[in-house]
Amino acid sequence: MTQENNTTTNDQRHRGVDILIVIALGYWVFSSILNKLLTTFIDDFYSSPARFIIAIVWIFFAFTPFAFAFGIKNKTTRIVGLILAFIIFAFSMYQQVEYLIYLVKDVSDTMDY
């Protein structure tokens, strides 16, 4: 009976991780499509307020490597995956925060006082 309960618990955990991976992949597709649409259809995208929208989307996108790391079944490999996911996350967040600071400075420089 405990073997059956253990198998059921593992199956439920793996389903949850699978759903997390599908959500991460869906968000990846969504952010890519949104980026393409905004840069294609908005004239002078880099001077428009839409660049703040895409910056926020990219910040949330930085969390997606963790979904793939949690999908690894082997515990030792999962730890390595989480370390690599954190490195990717750290670089991505640094870039996005730096970009947001640039955007805020750019907007404040163009304001008339």
PDB file of N, CA and C in Angstrom:
ATOM      1  N   MET A   1       0.811  -1.193   0.000  1.00  0.00           N
ATOM      2  CA  MET A   1       0.000   0.000   0.000  1.00  0.00           C
ATOM      3  C   MET A   1       0.860   1.265   0.000  1.00  0.00           C
ATOM      4  N   THR A   2       1.962   1.243   0.735  1.00  0.00           N
ATOM      5  CA  THR A   2       2.804   2.438   0.762  1.00  0.00           C
ATOM      6  C   THR A   2       3.496   2.652  -0.586  1.00  0.00           C
ATOM      7  N   GLN A   3       3.837   1.559  -1.274  1.00  0.00           N
ATOM      8  CA  GLN A   3       4.444   1.695  -2.604  1.00  0.00           C
ATOM      9  C   GLN A   3       3.460   2.358  -3.563  1.00  0.00           C
ATOM     10  N   GLU A   4       2.186   1.990  -3.465  1.00  0.00           N
ATOM     11  CA  GLU A   4       1.162   2.587  -4.328  1.00  0.00           C
ATOM     12  C   GLU A   4       0.973   4.065  -3.998  1.00  0.00           C
ATOM     13  N   ASN A   5       0.945   4.423  -2.714  1.00  0.00           N
ATOM     14  CA  ASN A   5       0.812   5.827  -2.314  1.00  0.00           C
ATOM     15  C   ASN A   5       2.027   6.636  -2.756  1.00  0.00           C
ATOM     16  N   ASN A   6       3.222   6.043  -2.638  1.00  0.00           N
ATOM     17  CA  ASN A   6       4.444   6.720  -3.046  1.00  0.00           C
ATOM     18  C   ASN A   6       4.439   6.974  -4.556  1.00  0.00           C
ATOM     19  N   THR A   7       3.982   5.996  -5.340  1.00  0.00           N
ATOM     20  CA  THR A   7       3.903   6.145  -6.787  1.00  0.00           C
ATOM     21  C   THR A   7       2.900   7.229  -7.156  1.00  0.00           C
ATOM     22  N   THR A   8       1.762   7.244  -6.469  1.00  0.00           N
ATOM     23  CA  THR A   8       0.746   8.256  -6.738  1.00  0.00           C
ATOM     24  C   THR A   8       1.272   9.651  -6.412  1.00  0.00           C
ATOM     25  N   THR A   9       1.978   9.786  -5.304  1.00  0.00           N
ATOM     26  CA  THR A   9       2.547  11.080  -4.917  1.00  0.00           C
ATOM     27  C   THR A   9       3.578  11.544  -5.948  1.00  0.00           C
ATOM     28  N   ASN A  10       4.434  10.635  -6.408  1.00  0.00           N
ATOM     29  CA  ASN A  10       5.434  10.994  -7.424  1.00  0.00           C
ATOM     30  C   ASN A  10       4.768  11.393  -8.737  1.00  0.00           C
ATOM     31  N   ASP A  11       3.720  10.659  -9.125  1.00  0.00           N
ATOM     32  CA  ASP A  11       3.003  11.005 -10.357  1.00  0.00           C
ATOM     33  C   ASP A  11       2.368  12.385 -10.250  1.00  0.00           C
ATOM     34  N   GLN A  12       1.783  12.701  -9.095  1.00  0.00           N
ATOM     35  CA  GLN A  12       1.167  14.014  -8.905  1.00  0.00           C
ATOM     36  C   GLN A  12       2.217  15.120  -8.937  1.00  0.00           C
ATOM     37  N   ARG A  13       3.387  14.863  -8.336  1.00  0.00           N
ATOM     38  CA  ARG A  13       4.457  15.854  -8.340  1.00  0.00           C
ATOM     39  C   ARG A  13       4.955  16.080  -9.757  1.00  0.00           C
ATOM     40  N   HIS A  14       5.117  15.002 -10.517  1.00  0.00           N
ATOM     41  CA  HIS A  14       5.601  15.146 -11.883  1.00  0.00           C
ATOM     42  C   HIS A  14       4.565  15.839 -12.766  1.00  0.00           C
ATOM     43  N   ARG A  15       3.296  15.610 -12.510  1.00  0.00           N
ATOM     44  CA  ARG A  15       2.256  16.334 -13.267  1.00  0.00           C
ATOM     45  C   ARG A  15       2.341  17.826 -12.983  1.00  0.00           C
ATOM     46  N   GLY A  16       2.561  18.179 -11.729  1.00  0.00           N
ATOM     47  CA  GLY A  16       2.699  19.591 -11.375  1.00  0.00           C
ATOM     48  C   GLY A  16       3.897  20.228 -12.053  1.00  0.00           C
ATOM     49  N   VAL A  17       5.007  19.506 -12.093  1.00  0.00           N
ATOM     50  CA  VAL A  17       6.211  20.016 -12.753  1.00  0.00           C
ATOM     51  C   VAL A  17       5.975  20.113 -14.251  1.00  0.00           C
ATOM     52  N   ASP A  18       5.298  19.122 -14.826  1.00  0.00           N
ATOM     53  CA  ASP A  18       4.984  19.168 -16.256  1.00  0.00           C
ATOM     54  C   ASP A  18       4.122  20.374 -16.595  1.00  0.00           C
ATOM     55  N   ILE A  19       3.158  20.674 -15.744  1.00  0.00           N
ATOM     56  CA  ILE A  19       2.303  21.849 -15.960  1.00  0.00           C
ATOM     57  C   ILE A  19       3.134  23.122 -15.870  1.00  0.00           C
ATOM     58  N   LEU A  20       4.063  23.170 -14.914  1.00  0.00           N
ATOM     59  CA  LEU A  20       4.941  24.331 -14.766  1.00  0.00           C
ATOM     60  C   LEU A  20       5.797  24.527 -16.015  1.00  0.00           C
ATOM     61  N   ILE A  21       6.306  23.449 -16.578  1.00  0.00           N
ATOM     62  CA  ILE A  21       7.116  23.539 -17.792  1.00  0.00           C
ATOM     63  C   ILE A  21       6.268  24.009 -18.971  1.00  0.00           C
ATOM     64  N   VAL A  22       5.050  23.505 -19.089  1.00  0.00           N
ATOM     65  CA  VAL A  22       4.164  23.939 -20.171  1.00  0.00           C
ATOM     66  C   VAL A  22       3.831  25.426 -20.024  1.00  0.00           C
ATOM     67  N   ILE A  23       3.597  25.875 -18.805  1.00  0.00           N
ATOM     68  CA  ILE A  23       3.327  27.300 -18.568  1.00  0.00           C
ATOM     69  C   ILE A  23       4.553  28.133 -18.958  1.00  0.00           C
ATOM     70  N   ALA A  24       5.749  27.675 -18.594  1.00  0.00           N
ATOM     71  CA  ALA A  24       6.975  28.400 -18.945  1.00  0.00           C
ATOM     72  C   ALA A  24       7.153  28.471 -20.461  1.00  0.00           C
ATOM     73  N   LEU A  25       6.912  27.366 -21.143  1.00  0.00           N
ATOM     74  CA  LEU A  25       7.012  27.375 -22.603  1.00  0.00           C
ATOM     75  C   LEU A  25       5.956  28.281 -23.224  1.00  0.00           C
ATOM     76  N   GLY A  26       4.741  28.258 -22.686  1.00  0.00           N
ATOM     77  CA  GLY A  26       3.684  29.143 -23.171  1.00  0.00           C
ATOM     78  C   GLY A  26       4.039  30.600 -22.968  1.00  0.00           C
ATOM     79  N   TYR A  27       4.621  30.918 -21.826  1.00  0.00           N
ATOM     80  CA  TYR A  27       5.030  32.305 -21.566  1.00  0.00           C
ATOM     81  C   TYR A  27       6.161  32.717 -22.505  1.00  0.00           C
ATOM     82  N   TRP A  28       7.036  31.784 -22.816  1.00  0.00           N
ATOM     83  CA  TRP A  28       8.117  32.046 -23.759  1.00  0.00           C
ATOM     84  C   TRP A  28       7.540  32.407 -25.126  1.00  0.00           C
ATOM     85  N   VAL A  29       6.580  31.614 -25.590  1.00  0.00           N
ATOM     86  CA  VAL A  29       5.929  31.887 -26.873  1.00  0.00           C
ATOM     87  C   VAL A  29       5.203  33.228 -26.816  1.00  0.00           C
ATOM     88  N   PHE A  30       4.456  33.473 -25.735  1.00  0.00           N
ATOM     89  CA  PHE A  30       3.717  34.729 -25.580  1.00  0.00           C
ATOM     90  C   PHE A  30       4.643  35.930 -25.626  1.00  0.00           C
ATOM     91  N   SER A  31       5.755  35.879 -24.888  1.00  0.00           N
ATOM     92  CA  SER A  31       6.668  37.023 -24.850  1.00  0.00           C
ATOM     93  C   SER A  31       7.341  37.235 -26.201  1.00  0.00           C
ATOM     94  N   SER A  32       7.649  36.159 -26.906  1.00  0.00           N
ATOM     95  CA  SER A  32       8.260  36.297 -28.228  1.00  0.00           C
ATOM     96  C   SER A  32       7.289  36.919 -29.224  1.00  0.00           C
ATOM     97  N   ILE A  33       6.045  36.468 -29.204  1.00  0.00           N
ATOM     98  CA  ILE A  33       5.028  37.025 -30.107  1.00  0.00           C
ATOM     99  C   ILE A  33       4.752  38.480 -29.761  1.00  0.00           C
ATOM    100  N   LEU A  34       4.612  38.782 -28.471  1.00  0.00           N
ATOM    101  CA  LEU A  34       4.366  40.159 -28.054  1.00  0.00           C
ATOM    102  C   LEU A  34       5.518  41.067 -28.456  1.00  0.00           C
ATOM    103  N   ASN A  35       6.739  40.617 -28.272  1.00  0.00           N
ATOM    104  CA  ASN A  35       7.905  41.399 -28.666  1.00  0.00           C
ATOM    105  C   ASN A  35       7.879  41.677 -30.171  1.00  0.00           C
ATOM    106  N   LYS A  36       7.606  40.663 -30.956  1.00  0.00           N
ATOM    107  CA  LYS A  36       7.566  40.832 -32.415  1.00  0.00           C
ATOM    108  C   LYS A  36       6.449  41.785 -32.829  1.00  0.00           C
ATOM    109  N   LEU A  37       5.261  41.624 -32.238  1.00  0.00           N
ATOM    110  CA  LEU A  37       4.135  42.491 -32.588  1.00  0.00           C
ATOM    111  C   LEU A  37       4.402  43.945 -32.216  1.00  0.00           C
ATOM    112  N   LEU A  38       4.919  44.162 -31.006  1.00  0.00           N
ATOM    113  CA  LEU A  38       5.160  45.537 -30.569  1.00  0.00           C
ATOM    114  C   LEU A  38       6.234  46.219 -31.403  1.00  0.00           C
ATOM    115  N   THR A  39       7.318  45.502 -31.688  1.00  0.00           N
ATOM    116  CA  THR A  39       8.395  46.130 -32.457  1.00  0.00           C
ATOM    117  C   THR A  39       8.028  46.289 -33.930  1.00  0.00           C
ATOM    118  N   THR A  40       7.112  45.480 -34.427  1.00  0.00           N
ATOM    119  CA  THR A  40       6.720  45.573 -35.833  1.00  0.00           C
ATOM    120  C   THR A  40       5.680  46.659 -36.065  1.00  0.00           C
ATOM    121  N   PHE A  41       4.652  46.709 -35.223  1.00  0.00           N
ATOM    122  CA  PHE A  41       3.510  47.567 -35.496  1.00  0.00           C
ATOM    123  C   PHE A  41       3.553  48.939 -34.818  1.00  0.00           C
ATOM    124  N   ILE A  42       4.473  49.150 -33.916  1.00  0.00           N
ATOM    125  CA  ILE A  42       4.566  50.461 -33.267  1.00  0.00           C
ATOM    126  C   ILE A  42       5.720  51.215 -33.903  1.00  0.00           C
ATOM    127  N   ASP A  43       5.378  52.332 -34.528  1.00  0.00           N
ATOM    128  CA  ASP A  43       6.410  53.170 -35.129  1.00  0.00           C
ATOM    129  C   ASP A  43       7.296  53.740 -34.027  1.00  0.00           C
ATOM    130  N   ASP A  44       8.570  53.701 -34.254  1.00  0.00           N
ATOM    131  CA  ASP A  44       9.550  54.211 -33.304  1.00  0.00           C
ATOM    132  C   ASP A  44       9.338  53.590 -31.914  1.00  0.00           C
ATOM    133  N   PHE A  45       9.378  52.269 -31.888  1.00  0.00           N
ATOM    134  CA  PHE A  45       9.117  51.510 -30.663  1.00  0.00           C
ATOM    135  C   PHE A  45      10.001  51.962 -29.505  1.00  0.00           C
ATOM    136  N   TYR A  46      11.253  52.229 -29.770  1.00  0.00           N
ATOM    137  CA  TYR A  46      12.193  52.544 -28.699  1.00  0.00           C
ATOM    138  C   TYR A  46      11.997  53.936 -28.106  1.00  0.00           C
ATOM    139  N   SER A  47      11.076  54.718 -28.677  1.00  0.00           N
ATOM    140  CA  SER A  47      10.721  56.008 -28.087  1.00  0.00           C
ATOM    141  C   SER A  47       9.300  56.007 -27.548  1.00  0.00           C
ATOM    142  N   SER A  48       8.636  54.870 -27.606  1.00  0.00           N
ATOM    143  CA  SER A  48       7.242  54.790 -27.166  1.00  0.00           C
ATOM    144  C   SER A  48       7.155  54.196 -25.759  1.00  0.00           C
ATOM    145  N   PRO A  49       6.015  54.420 -25.104  1.00  0.00           N
ATOM    146  CA  PRO A  49       5.825  53.823 -23.771  1.00  0.00           C
ATOM    147  C   PRO A  49       5.704  52.294 -23.803  1.00  0.00           C
ATOM    148  N   ALA A  50       5.520  51.703 -24.968  1.00  0.00           N
ATOM    149  CA  ALA A  50       5.394  50.246 -25.071  1.00  0.00           C
ATOM    150  C   ALA A  50       6.670  49.536 -24.661  1.00  0.00           C
ATOM    151  N   ARG A  51       7.787  50.229 -24.688  1.00  0.00           N
ATOM    152  CA  ARG A  51       9.039  49.584 -24.292  1.00  0.00           C
ATOM    153  C   ARG A  51       9.038  49.221 -22.811  1.00  0.00           C
ATOM    154  N   PHE A  52       8.247  49.930 -21.994  1.00  0.00           N
ATOM    155  CA  PHE A  52       8.109  49.560 -20.582  1.00  0.00           C
ATOM    156  C   PHE A  52       7.352  48.240 -20.443  1.00  0.00           C
ATOM    157  N   ILE A  53       6.356  48.043 -21.298  1.00  0.00           N
ATOM    158  CA  ILE A  53       5.575  46.793 -21.272  1.00  0.00           C
ATOM    159  C   ILE A  53       6.486  45.619 -21.566  1.00  0.00           C
ATOM    160  N   ILE A  54       7.262  45.729 -22.608  1.00  0.00           N
ATOM    161  CA  ILE A  54       8.129  44.619 -22.976  1.00  0.00           C
ATOM    162  C   ILE A  54       9.221  44.398 -21.932  1.00  0.00           C
ATOM    163  N   ALA A  55       9.675  45.456 -21.269  1.00  0.00           N
ATOM    164  CA  ALA A  55      10.677  45.302 -20.210  1.00  0.00           C
ATOM    165  C   ALA A  55      10.104  44.498 -19.043  1.00  0.00           C
ATOM    166  N   ILE A  56       8.857  44.771 -18.687  1.00  0.00           N
ATOM    167  CA  ILE A  56       8.202  44.017 -17.606  1.00  0.00           C
ATOM    168  C   ILE A  56       8.030  42.551 -18.019  1.00  0.00           C
ATOM    169  N   VAL A  57       7.632  42.319 -19.262  1.00  0.00           N
ATOM    170  CA  VAL A  57       7.471  40.942 -19.753  1.00  0.00           C
ATOM    171  C   VAL A  57       8.801  40.206 -19.687  1.00  0.00           C
ATOM    172  N   TRP A  58       9.891  40.872 -20.048  1.00  0.00           N
ATOM    173  CA  TRP A  58      11.206  40.237 -20.007  1.00  0.00           C
ATOM    174  C   TRP A  58      11.649  39.952 -18.582  1.00  0.00           C
ATOM    175  N   ILE A  59      11.256  40.782 -17.638  1.00  0.00           N
ATOM    176  CA  ILE A  59      11.613  40.518 -16.237  1.00  0.00           C
ATOM    177  C   ILE A  59      10.953  39.224 -15.760  1.00  0.00           C
ATOM    178  N   PHE A  60       9.680  39.034 -16.082  1.00  0.00           N
ATOM    179  CA  PHE A  60       9.016  37.783 -15.698  1.00  0.00           C
ATOM    180  C   PHE A  60       9.602  36.599 -16.454  1.00  0.00           C
ATOM    181  N   PHE A  61      10.073  36.838 -17.675  1.00  0.00           N
ATOM    182  CA  PHE A  61      10.668  35.782 -18.483  1.00  0.00           C
ATOM    183  C   PHE A  61      11.953  35.246 -17.849  1.00  0.00           C
ATOM    184  N   ALA A  62      12.609  36.047 -17.032  1.00  0.00           N
ATOM    185  CA  ALA A  62      13.859  35.629 -16.392  1.00  0.00           C
ATOM    186  C   ALA A  62      13.646  34.444 -15.437  1.00  0.00           C
ATOM    187  N   PHE A  63      12.417  34.244 -14.977  1.00  0.00           N
ATOM    188  CA  PHE A  63      12.132  33.155 -14.042  1.00  0.00           C
ATOM    189  C   PHE A  63      11.933  31.803 -14.734  1.00  0.00           C
ATOM    190  N   THR A  64      11.783  31.767 -16.052  1.00  0.00           N
ATOM    191  CA  THR A  64      11.468  30.517 -16.744  1.00  0.00           C
ATOM    192  C   THR A  64      12.543  29.435 -16.641  1.00  0.00           C
ATOM    193  N   PRO A  65      13.832  29.734 -16.526  1.00  0.00           N
ATOM    194  CA  PRO A  65      14.799  28.629 -16.401  1.00  0.00           C
ATOM    195  C   PRO A  65      14.547  27.737 -15.179  1.00  0.00           C
ATOM    196  N   PHE A  66      13.942  28.293 -14.136  1.00  0.00           N
ATOM    197  CA  PHE A  66      13.665  27.478 -12.949  1.00  0.00           C
ATOM    198  C   PHE A  66      12.639  26.381 -13.233  1.00  0.00           C
ATOM    199  N   ALA A  67      11.696  26.648 -14.118  1.00  0.00           N
ATOM    200  CA  ALA A  67      10.701  25.629 -14.459  1.00  0.00           C
ATOM    201  C   ALA A  67      11.379  24.421 -15.096  1.00  0.00           C
ATOM    202  N   PHE A  68      12.344  24.663 -15.954  1.00  0.00           N
ATOM    203  CA  PHE A  68      13.048  23.561 -16.589  1.00  0.00           C
ATOM    204  C   PHE A  68      13.954  22.837 -15.598  1.00  0.00           C
ATOM    205  N   ALA A  69      14.565  23.561 -14.687  1.00  0.00           N
ATOM    206  CA  ALA A  69      15.428  22.927 -13.691  1.00  0.00           C
ATOM    207  C   ALA A  69      14.622  22.027 -12.756  1.00  0.00           C
ATOM    208  N   PHE A  70      13.426  22.478 -12.364  1.00  0.00           N
ATOM    209  CA  PHE A  70      12.595  21.653 -11.491  1.00  0.00           C
ATOM    210  C   PHE A  70      12.036  20.433 -12.212  1.00  0.00           C
ATOM    211  N   GLY A  71      12.065  20.428 -13.525  1.00  0.00           N
ATOM    212  CA  GLY A  71      11.583  19.294 -14.300  1.00  0.00           C
ATOM    213  C   GLY A  71      12.541  18.126 -14.349  1.00  0.00           C
ATOM    214  N   ILE A  72      13.759  18.315 -13.888  1.00  0.00           N
ATOM    215  CA  ILE A  72      14.766  17.248 -13.884  1.00  0.00           C
ATOM    216  C   ILE A  72      14.441  16.282 -12.749  1.00  0.00           C
ATOM    217  N   LYS A  73      14.414  14.986 -13.047  1.00  0.00           N
ATOM    218  CA  LYS A  73      14.013  13.984 -12.055  1.00  0.00           C
ATOM    219  C   LYS A  73      15.153  13.569 -11.132  1.00  0.00           C
ATOM    220  N   ASN A  74      16.355  13.460 -11.640  1.00  0.00           N
ATOM    221  CA  ASN A  74      17.504  13.060 -10.835  1.00  0.00           C
ATOM    222  C   ASN A  74      17.885  14.211  -9.906  1.00  0.00           C
ATOM    223  N   LYS A  75      18.001  13.927  -8.605  1.00  0.00           N
ATOM    224  CA  LYS A  75      18.236  14.986  -7.623  1.00  0.00           C
ATOM    225  C   LYS A  75      19.577  15.697  -7.813  1.00  0.00           C
ATOM    226  N   THR A  76      20.622  14.939  -8.097  1.00  0.00           N
ATOM    227  CA  THR A  76      21.934  15.553  -8.285  1.00  0.00           C
ATOM    228  C   THR A  76      21.934  16.451  -9.516  1.00  0.00           C
ATOM    229  N   THR A  77      21.372  15.954 -10.579  1.00  0.00           N
ATOM    230  CA  THR A  77      21.293  16.748 -11.811  1.00  0.00           C
ATOM    231  C   THR A  77      20.374  17.942 -11.628  1.00  0.00           C
ATOM    232  N   ARG A  78      19.331  17.797 -10.833  1.00  0.00           N
ATOM    233  CA  ARG A  78      18.429  18.913 -10.564  1.00  0.00           C
ATOM    234  C   ARG A  78      19.155  20.045  -9.843  1.00  0.00           C
ATOM    235  N   ILE A  79      20.044  19.692  -8.907  1.00  0.00           N
ATOM    236  CA  ILE A  79      20.821  20.716  -8.201  1.00  0.00           C
ATOM    237  C   ILE A  79      21.703  21.484  -9.188  1.00  0.00           C
ATOM    238  N   VAL A  80      22.360  20.756 -10.091  1.00  0.00           N
ATOM    239  CA  VAL A  80      23.175  21.409 -11.118  1.00  0.00           C
ATOM    240  C   VAL A  80      22.274  22.285 -11.999  1.00  0.00           C
ATOM    241  N   GLY A  81      21.103  21.773 -12.364  1.00  0.00           N
ATOM    242  CA  GLY A  81      20.155  22.541 -13.167  1.00  0.00           C
ATOM    243  C   GLY A  81      19.692  23.802 -12.453  1.00  0.00           C
ATOM    244  N   LEU A  82      19.450  23.701 -11.154  1.00  0.00           N
ATOM    245  CA  LEU A  82      19.033  24.885 -10.394  1.00  0.00           C
ATOM    246  C   LEU A  82      20.151  25.916 -10.300  1.00  0.00           C
ATOM    247  N   ILE A  83      21.384  25.457 -10.168  1.00  0.00           N
ATOM    248  CA  ILE A  83      22.516  26.391 -10.142  1.00  0.00           C
ATOM    249  C   ILE A  83      22.633  27.115 -11.481  1.00  0.00           C
ATOM    250  N   LEU A  84      22.539  26.361 -12.577  1.00  0.00           N
ATOM    251  CA  LEU A  84      22.595  26.980 -13.898  1.00  0.00           C
ATOM    252  C   LEU A  84      21.399  27.909 -14.130  1.00  0.00           C
ATOM    253  N   ALA A  85      20.222  27.503 -13.660  1.00  0.00           N
ATOM    254  CA  ALA A  85      19.038  28.355 -13.795  1.00  0.00           C
ATOM    255  C   ALA A  85      19.225  29.652 -13.025  1.00  0.00           C
ATOM    256  N   PHE A  86      19.828  29.568 -11.847  1.00  0.00           N
ATOM    257  CA  PHE A  86      20.066  30.790 -11.070  1.00  0.00           C
ATOM    258  C   PHE A  86      21.064  31.707 -11.770  1.00  0.00           C
ATOM    259  N   ILE A  87      22.091  31.136 -12.398  1.00  0.00           N
ATOM    260  CA  ILE A  87      23.063  31.952 -13.126  1.00  0.00           C
ATOM    261  C   ILE A  87      22.384  32.660 -14.298  1.00  0.00           C
ATOM    262  N   ILE A  88      21.572  31.923 -15.059  1.00  0.00           N
ATOM    263  CA  ILE A  88      20.832  32.531 -16.172  1.00  0.00           C
ATOM    264  C   ILE A  88      19.890  33.598 -15.647  1.00  0.00           C
ATOM    265  N   PHE A  89      19.204  33.296 -14.561  1.00  0.00           N
ATOM    266  CA  PHE A  89      18.276  34.252 -13.945  1.00  0.00           C
ATOM    267  C   PHE A  89      19.006  35.523 -13.518  1.00  0.00           C
ATOM    268  N   ALA A  90      20.154  35.363 -12.877  1.00  0.00           N
ATOM    269  CA  ALA A  90      20.897  36.522 -12.382  1.00  0.00           C
ATOM    270  C   ALA A  90      21.355  37.423 -13.532  1.00  0.00           C
ATOM    271  N   PHE A  91      21.906  36.843 -14.581  1.00  0.00           N
ATOM    272  CA  PHE A  91      22.326  37.642 -15.731  1.00  0.00           C
ATOM    273  C   PHE A  91      21.141  38.337 -16.382  1.00  0.00           C
ATOM    274  N   SER A  92      20.055  37.606 -16.558  1.00  0.00           N
ATOM    275  CA  SER A  92      18.877  38.180 -17.204  1.00  0.00           C
ATOM    276  C   SER A  92      18.276  39.307 -16.374  1.00  0.00           C
ATOM    277  N   MET A  93      18.170  39.102 -15.067  1.00  0.00           N
ATOM    278  CA  MET A  93      17.608  40.145 -14.207  1.00  0.00           C
ATOM    279  C   MET A  93      18.512  41.370 -14.178  1.00  0.00           C
ATOM    280  N   TYR A  94      19.804  41.162 -14.166  1.00  0.00           N
ATOM    281  CA  TYR A  94      20.726  42.297 -14.191  1.00  0.00           C
ATOM    282  C   TYR A  94      20.511  43.118 -15.457  1.00  0.00           C
ATOM    283  N   GLN A  95      20.421  42.445 -16.588  1.00  0.00           N
ATOM    284  CA  GLN A  95      20.205  43.150 -17.853  1.00  0.00           C
ATOM    285  C   GLN A  95      18.880  43.894 -17.862  1.00  0.00           C
ATOM    286  N   GLN A  96      17.839  43.267 -17.351  1.00  0.00           N
ATOM    287  CA  GLN A  96      16.519  43.900 -17.390  1.00  0.00           C
ATOM    288  C   GLN A  96      16.428  45.073 -16.422  1.00  0.00           C
ATOM    289  N   VAL A  97      17.013  44.938 -15.250  1.00  0.00           N
ATOM    290  CA  VAL A  97      17.002  46.048 -14.297  1.00  0.00           C
ATOM    291  C   VAL A  97      17.835  47.203 -14.845  1.00  0.00           C
ATOM    292  N   GLU A  98      18.969  46.887 -15.449  1.00  0.00           N
ATOM    293  CA  GLU A  98      19.790  47.927 -16.065  1.00  0.00           C
ATOM    294  C   GLU A  98      19.015  48.631 -17.185  1.00  0.00           C
ATOM    295  N   TYR A  99      18.268  47.871 -17.978  1.00  0.00           N
ATOM    296  CA  TYR A  99      17.459  48.451 -19.055  1.00  0.00           C
ATOM    297  C   TYR A  99      16.347  49.331 -18.484  1.00  0.00           C
ATOM    298  N   LEU A 100      15.701  48.872 -17.420  1.00  0.00           N
ATOM    299  CA  LEU A 100      14.649  49.695 -16.803  1.00  0.00           C
ATOM    300  C   LEU A 100      15.219  50.992 -16.238  1.00  0.00           C
ATOM    301  N   ILE A 101      16.382  50.938 -15.633  1.00  0.00           N
ATOM    302  CA  ILE A 101      17.021  52.159 -15.131  1.00  0.00           C
ATOM    303  C   ILE A 101      17.308  53.105 -16.287  1.00  0.00           C
ATOM    304  N   TYR A 102      17.794  52.561 -17.404  1.00  0.00           N
ATOM    305  CA  TYR A 102      18.036  53.374 -18.588  1.00  0.00           C
ATOM    306  C   TYR A 102      16.734  54.019 -19.075  1.00  0.00           C
ATOM    307  N   LEU A 103      15.647  53.238 -19.091  1.00  0.00           N
ATOM    308  CA  LEU A 103      14.364  53.778 -19.548  1.00  0.00           C
ATOM    309  C   LEU A 103      13.879  54.902 -18.649  1.00  0.00           C
ATOM    310  N   VAL A 104      13.993  54.716 -17.355  1.00  0.00           N
ATOM    311  CA  VAL A 104      13.540  55.735 -16.410  1.00  0.00           C
ATOM    312  C   VAL A 104      14.390  56.997 -16.551  1.00  0.00           C
ATOM    313  N   LYS A 105      15.703  56.827 -16.688  1.00  0.00           N
ATOM    314  CA  LYS A 105      16.567  57.994 -16.891  1.00  0.00           C
ATOM    315  C   LYS A 105      16.243  58.700 -18.201  1.00  0.00           C
ATOM    316  N   ASP A 106      15.984  57.933 -19.239  1.00  0.00           N
ATOM    317  CA  ASP A 106      15.661  58.503 -20.547  1.00  0.00           C
ATOM    318  C   ASP A 106      14.372  59.314 -20.491  1.00  0.00           C
ATOM    319  N   VAL A 107      13.381  58.785 -19.786  1.00  0.00           N
ATOM    320  CA  VAL A 107      12.103  59.501 -19.656  1.00  0.00           C
ATOM    321  C   VAL A 107      12.296  60.744 -18.803  1.00  0.00           C
ATOM    322  N   SER A 108      13.046  60.632 -17.730  1.00  0.00           N
ATOM    323  CA  SER A 108      13.239  61.812 -16.872  1.00  0.00           C
ATOM    324  C   SER A 108      14.081  62.882 -17.562  1.00  0.00           C
ATOM    325  N   ASP A 109      15.002  62.484 -18.446  1.00  0.00           N
ATOM    326  CA  ASP A 109      15.800  63.472 -19.172  1.00  0.00           C
ATOM    327  C   ASP A 109      14.979  64.232 -20.218  1.00  0.00           C
ATOM    328  N   THR A 110      13.966  63.588 -20.763  1.00  0.00           N
ATOM    329  CA  THR A 110      13.168  64.227 -21.817  1.00  0.00           C
ATOM    330  C   THR A 110      12.023  65.063 -21.261  1.00  0.00           C
ATOM    331  N   MET A 111      11.778  64.984 -19.963  1.00  0.00           N
ATOM    332  CA  MET A 111      10.686  65.764 -19.368  1.00  0.00           C
ATOM    333  C   MET A 111      11.091  67.234 -19.258  1.00  0.00           C
ATOM    334  N   ASP A 112      10.143  68.113 -19.537  1.00  0.00           N
ATOM    335  CA  ASP A 112      10.391  69.544 -19.406  1.00  0.00           C
ATOM    336  C   ASP A 112      10.076  69.975 -17.983  1.00  0.00           C
ATOM    337  N   TYR A 113      10.945  70.731 -17.399  1.00  0.00           N
ATOM    338  CA  TYR A 113      10.715  71.190 -16.032  1.00  0.00           C
ATOM    339  C   TYR A 113      10.312  72.628 -16.044  1.00  0.00           C
TER     340      TYR A 113
END
